Protein backbone atom coordinates (compact mmCIF):
# COMPACT_ATOMS: atom_id res chain seq x y z
CA MET A 1 33.24 59.90 3.36
CA ASP A 2 29.44 59.65 2.96
CA GLU A 3 26.37 58.41 4.77
CA TRP A 4 22.69 58.31 4.01
CA GLY A 5 19.67 57.00 6.13
CA GLY A 6 18.84 59.23 9.46
CA PRO A 7 17.45 62.48 9.42
CA MET A 8 17.54 64.07 6.05
CA LEU A 9 17.61 67.47 7.25
CA PHE A 10 20.98 66.96 8.37
CA GLY A 11 24.00 65.94 6.08
CA LYS A 12 27.61 66.06 7.16
CA GLU A 13 26.54 66.95 10.67
CA ARG A 14 25.65 63.26 11.11
CA ILE A 15 29.51 62.24 11.09
CA VAL A 16 31.12 65.90 11.83
CA ARG A 17 31.13 67.51 14.98
CA THR A 18 29.98 71.07 14.78
CA ASP A 19 29.19 73.64 17.54
CA ARG A 20 25.65 72.50 17.54
CA ASP A 21 23.87 69.25 18.06
CA HIS A 22 20.25 68.01 17.94
CA PRO A 23 18.34 64.97 19.54
CA ALA A 24 17.88 63.19 16.17
CA LEU A 25 21.77 63.42 15.54
CA GLU A 26 22.63 62.06 18.91
CA GLU A 27 20.23 59.14 18.52
CA HIS A 28 21.70 58.66 15.27
CA ARG A 29 25.31 58.63 16.40
CA VAL A 30 24.44 56.17 19.20
CA VAL A 31 22.34 53.69 17.06
CA TYR A 32 24.80 53.59 14.13
CA HIS A 33 28.24 54.86 15.20
CA SER A 34 28.67 53.78 18.95
CA GLY A 35 28.08 57.30 19.64
CA ASN A 36 31.24 58.15 17.91
CA TYR A 37 31.67 61.16 15.14
CA LEU A 38 32.69 59.04 12.41
CA ALA A 39 35.02 61.83 10.76
CA GLU A 40 36.63 62.30 14.00
CA VAL A 41 37.52 58.51 14.50
CA PHE A 42 39.55 58.82 11.22
CA VAL A 43 41.19 62.24 11.76
CA ARG A 44 42.51 60.89 15.14
CA GLN A 45 44.52 58.20 13.03
CA GLY A 46 46.18 60.70 10.84
CA TYR A 47 43.50 60.89 7.87
CA ALA A 48 42.31 64.12 6.42
CA VAL A 49 38.48 63.76 6.01
CA LEU A 50 36.02 65.35 3.39
CA SER A 51 32.31 64.83 3.88
CA ILE A 52 29.75 66.72 1.89
CA ASP A 53 25.86 66.89 1.88
CA ALA A 54 24.46 64.50 -0.63
CA HIS A 55 21.97 66.03 -3.00
CA HIS A 56 18.55 66.02 -0.89
CA PHE A 57 20.27 66.21 2.30
CA GLY A 58 21.39 68.80 4.68
CA GLU A 59 21.68 72.13 3.29
CA ARG A 60 20.79 70.54 0.01
CA ALA A 61 17.56 69.21 1.13
CA PRO A 62 14.69 70.77 -0.73
CA ARG A 63 13.14 74.08 0.15
CA GLY A 64 10.29 76.43 -0.84
CA PHE A 65 7.61 74.11 -2.59
CA ASN A 66 4.99 71.47 -1.74
CA GLY A 67 4.53 72.72 1.96
CA ILE A 68 8.23 72.80 2.66
CA PRO A 69 9.23 76.14 4.18
CA ASP A 70 11.42 78.55 2.16
CA SER A 71 13.99 78.43 4.86
CA TYR A 72 14.69 76.65 8.02
CA ASP A 73 17.26 75.91 10.59
CA PRO A 74 17.14 72.05 11.38
CA PHE A 75 18.98 72.58 14.70
CA SER A 76 16.06 74.72 15.81
CA LEU A 77 13.50 72.45 14.88
CA PHE A 78 12.20 69.92 17.56
CA SER A 79 9.20 67.55 18.04
CA GLU A 80 6.18 67.91 15.74
CA ASP A 81 7.85 70.61 13.45
CA PHE A 82 10.79 68.59 12.83
CA ASP A 83 8.81 65.40 12.08
CA GLU A 84 6.63 67.31 9.65
CA ILE A 85 9.39 68.82 7.62
CA HIS A 86 11.43 65.93 7.69
CA ARG A 87 8.35 63.99 6.31
CA LEU A 88 7.87 66.40 3.66
CA VAL A 89 11.52 66.34 2.52
CA GLN A 90 11.54 62.51 2.57
CA GLU A 91 8.38 62.32 0.23
CA GLN A 92 10.20 64.44 -2.34
CA LEU A 93 13.18 61.86 -2.56
CA TYR A 94 11.78 59.63 -5.32
CA LEU A 95 9.92 62.57 -7.11
CA GLY A 96 13.45 64.07 -7.29
CA VAL A 97 14.73 60.77 -8.81
CA ARG A 98 12.23 60.98 -11.42
CA GLN A 99 12.82 64.66 -12.07
CA LEU A 100 16.59 63.85 -12.75
CA ASN A 101 15.58 61.27 -15.16
CA TRP A 102 13.32 63.52 -17.19
CA ALA A 103 16.18 66.09 -17.16
CA GLY A 104 18.30 63.43 -18.74
CA THR A 105 20.41 62.52 -15.82
CA THR A 106 20.51 59.97 -13.01
CA TRP A 107 20.70 59.82 -9.12
CA MET A 108 23.80 57.63 -9.62
CA GLY A 109 25.53 60.18 -12.07
CA LEU A 110 24.78 63.09 -9.91
CA ASN A 111 26.27 61.59 -6.85
CA PHE A 112 29.31 60.42 -8.54
CA TRP A 113 29.92 63.81 -10.28
CA ASP A 114 29.82 65.26 -6.67
CA ASP A 115 32.11 62.53 -5.23
CA SER A 116 34.75 62.85 -8.14
CA ARG A 117 34.82 66.34 -7.39
CA CYS A 118 35.94 65.83 -3.95
CA VAL A 119 38.59 63.94 -5.15
CA ASP A 120 39.52 66.77 -7.41
CA TYR A 121 39.47 69.17 -4.35
CA LEU A 122 41.43 66.70 -2.03
CA ARG A 123 44.35 66.54 -4.65
CA THR A 124 44.84 70.33 -4.28
CA ARG A 125 45.51 70.03 -0.63
CA ARG A 126 49.10 70.00 0.54
CA GLU A 127 48.34 67.73 3.45
CA VAL A 128 47.01 64.98 1.18
CA ASP A 129 49.08 62.62 -0.80
CA PRO A 130 47.32 62.25 -4.20
CA GLN A 131 48.50 58.59 -4.50
CA ARG A 132 46.71 57.59 -1.13
CA ILE A 133 43.28 58.52 -1.50
CA GLY A 134 40.41 56.20 0.15
CA CYS A 135 36.62 56.31 0.62
CA THR A 136 34.20 54.92 2.82
CA GLY A 137 30.35 55.13 3.75
CA LEU A 138 27.37 53.59 5.36
CA SER A 139 24.35 52.54 3.69
CA GLY A 140 23.81 54.78 0.67
CA GLY A 141 27.24 55.86 1.47
CA GLY A 142 28.40 52.51 0.69
CA TRP A 143 26.77 52.35 -2.32
CA ARG A 144 28.43 55.65 -3.28
CA THR A 145 31.55 54.24 -2.17
CA ASN A 146 31.37 51.33 -4.62
CA ILE A 147 30.55 53.58 -7.45
CA LEU A 148 33.43 55.85 -6.78
CA ALA A 149 36.02 53.20 -6.08
CA GLY A 150 34.79 51.58 -9.33
CA LEU A 151 34.81 54.63 -11.74
CA ASP A 152 37.47 56.72 -10.09
CA ARG A 153 41.00 55.25 -10.55
CA ARG A 154 42.33 57.74 -8.04
CA ILE A 155 40.60 56.08 -5.28
CA LYS A 156 43.07 53.39 -4.01
CA ALA A 157 41.18 51.61 -1.10
CA SER A 158 37.69 51.63 -0.16
CA VAL A 159 35.32 50.52 2.62
CA SER A 160 31.87 49.66 1.58
CA VAL A 161 29.52 49.34 4.62
CA GLY A 162 25.90 48.15 4.88
CA TRP A 163 25.51 47.96 1.19
CA MET A 164 25.68 44.62 -0.50
CA THR A 165 23.33 42.19 -2.12
CA THR A 166 22.31 40.77 -5.57
CA GLY A 167 19.75 42.32 -7.68
CA ASP A 168 17.70 38.94 -8.20
CA TYR A 169 17.53 38.16 -4.29
CA GLN A 170 16.88 41.90 -3.65
CA GLN A 171 13.76 42.36 -6.22
CA VAL A 172 11.80 40.00 -4.47
CA TYR A 173 12.93 40.83 -1.15
CA ASN A 174 12.81 44.53 -0.25
CA LEU A 175 13.50 46.64 -3.30
CA HIS A 176 11.76 49.79 -2.33
CA GLY A 177 13.15 49.68 1.31
CA ALA A 178 16.79 49.43 0.47
CA VAL A 179 18.02 49.09 -3.13
CA GLY A 180 15.05 51.41 -4.63
CA THR A 181 14.94 52.81 -8.17
CA PHE A 182 17.03 55.93 -7.08
CA CYS A 183 20.08 53.61 -6.89
CA LEU A 184 19.60 51.68 -10.20
CA LEU A 185 21.15 53.02 -13.33
CA PRO A 186 18.47 52.70 -16.20
CA GLY A 187 19.58 50.48 -19.11
CA VAL A 188 22.69 48.47 -17.79
CA TRP A 189 21.14 46.28 -14.78
CA ASN A 190 20.65 43.27 -17.26
CA ARG A 191 24.48 43.30 -17.64
CA ILE A 192 25.68 45.00 -14.27
CA ASP A 193 24.63 44.06 -10.65
CA VAL A 194 25.26 45.45 -7.43
CA PRO A 195 28.39 43.19 -6.57
CA ASP A 196 29.95 44.11 -10.05
CA LEU A 197 30.19 47.67 -8.64
CA ALA A 198 32.69 46.49 -6.18
CA VAL A 199 34.59 44.33 -8.77
CA ILE A 200 35.10 47.24 -11.16
CA ALA A 201 37.31 48.74 -8.37
CA ALA A 202 39.97 45.93 -8.97
CA PRO A 203 42.86 46.23 -8.34
CA GLY A 204 41.91 48.77 -5.80
CA ALA A 205 41.71 47.40 -2.29
CA SER A 206 37.98 46.74 -1.34
CA LEU A 207 36.71 45.80 2.02
CA VAL A 208 33.12 45.13 2.05
CA VAL A 209 31.18 45.03 5.21
CA VAL A 210 27.58 44.12 5.81
CA GLY A 211 26.10 42.76 8.90
CA SER A 212 24.30 39.14 8.85
CA GLU A 213 21.56 40.72 10.83
CA ASP A 214 21.08 43.72 8.58
CA HIS A 215 17.39 43.16 7.42
CA LEU A 216 17.72 45.43 4.61
CA PHE A 217 19.44 42.63 2.69
CA PRO A 218 18.75 38.92 2.72
CA PRO A 219 21.80 37.01 4.39
CA GLU A 220 21.97 34.46 1.32
CA ALA A 221 22.17 37.58 -0.99
CA GLN A 222 25.00 38.92 1.17
CA ILE A 223 27.13 35.85 0.96
CA GLU A 224 26.36 35.39 -2.82
CA ALA A 225 27.39 38.81 -3.33
CA ALA A 226 30.74 38.39 -1.72
CA ARG A 227 31.35 35.06 -3.69
CA GLN A 228 30.81 36.91 -6.91
CA ILE A 229 33.39 39.84 -5.88
CA GLN A 230 36.08 37.49 -4.63
CA ALA A 231 35.69 35.62 -8.09
CA GLY A 232 35.94 38.94 -9.82
CA TYR A 233 39.17 39.73 -7.90
CA ALA A 234 40.65 36.25 -8.33
CA TRP A 235 39.73 36.93 -12.17
CA ALA A 236 41.77 40.22 -11.97
CA GLY A 237 44.66 38.52 -10.40
CA CYS A 238 44.38 40.24 -7.11
CA PRO A 239 42.44 38.24 -4.68
CA GLU A 240 44.23 39.43 -1.64
CA ARG A 241 42.70 42.79 -2.28
CA PHE A 242 39.28 42.09 -1.40
CA THR A 243 37.98 41.25 2.06
CA PHE A 244 34.34 40.56 3.01
CA TYR A 245 33.31 41.14 6.88
CA ASN A 246 29.82 39.78 7.91
CA PRO A 247 29.67 39.96 11.39
CA PRO A 248 26.30 39.31 13.43
CA LYS A 249 25.17 43.10 13.50
CA PRO A 250 22.39 45.17 12.14
CA HIS A 251 22.78 48.23 9.87
CA CYS A 252 25.55 50.14 11.38
CA TYR A 253 29.04 51.40 11.09
CA ASP A 254 29.99 50.68 14.75
CA ALA A 255 33.27 50.91 16.81
CA ASP A 256 34.30 47.44 15.66
CA ILE A 257 33.83 48.22 12.09
CA GLN A 258 35.42 51.48 12.46
CA GLU A 259 38.41 49.50 13.90
CA LYS A 260 38.54 47.05 10.96
CA ALA A 261 38.21 50.05 8.46
CA ILE A 262 41.07 51.91 9.82
CA ALA A 263 43.15 48.90 9.61
CA TRP A 264 42.21 48.17 6.23
CA PHE A 265 43.21 51.82 5.17
CA ASP A 266 46.63 51.56 7.03
CA ARG A 267 47.30 48.57 5.22
CA HIS A 268 46.48 49.86 1.73
CA LEU A 269 47.30 53.54 2.10
CA LYS A 270 49.94 53.87 4.63
CA GLU A 271 52.23 51.01 3.95
């Protein structure tokens, strides 16, 4: 279970309850999750949930250079101190992407490696059925969901939320603000597009959710992406294993979407 957006100084704490809280986390939960801890919502329905800090988030956020303190506890930061350190960390994101490319790897590759290792770990747990593993996420977590489901056949069902468009629409609309360079895999985007990442997951069950009022992605691109994915699943011989949910909502994984996601996983992982 993944999520991006929101305060980068926190990672898994955005969806997992700990013994501490912060105004930035509370606001994030209210705006994006109807006030719920997303991990708890799934645990209460009988799912084992694993969530890690993505590279550049939470405990893996950069420290000790370009004005960022050598160490800090984000739960203890408030007001101007929190805003300033968050700004400095945020500024390093695209530089970090370029540094990964210089080192011969990609942001997509790094995240896929991390997420695939999570599947390795889940399969060692007695309480986890290795044949019934799913993944879900919001925003950049939706992007990671599509990649993991497409490239790791151990994922049997996925729910990608707040991340679907097509490259031709997106590049002239809002490339930097949503599908930026950190999401693009060099050398293949003339042959593979964002919807194709979802198609690759077939015959794995894929629910793609994006709000028609999510201004990160143009509405016409959302509809065209869904058409392409449905066509891909039909070509793969399993059209019933893809569903597109396009409610009149902004960028969120709210209680309604949570309910839809649980129903999807119940259908494809429990039955």
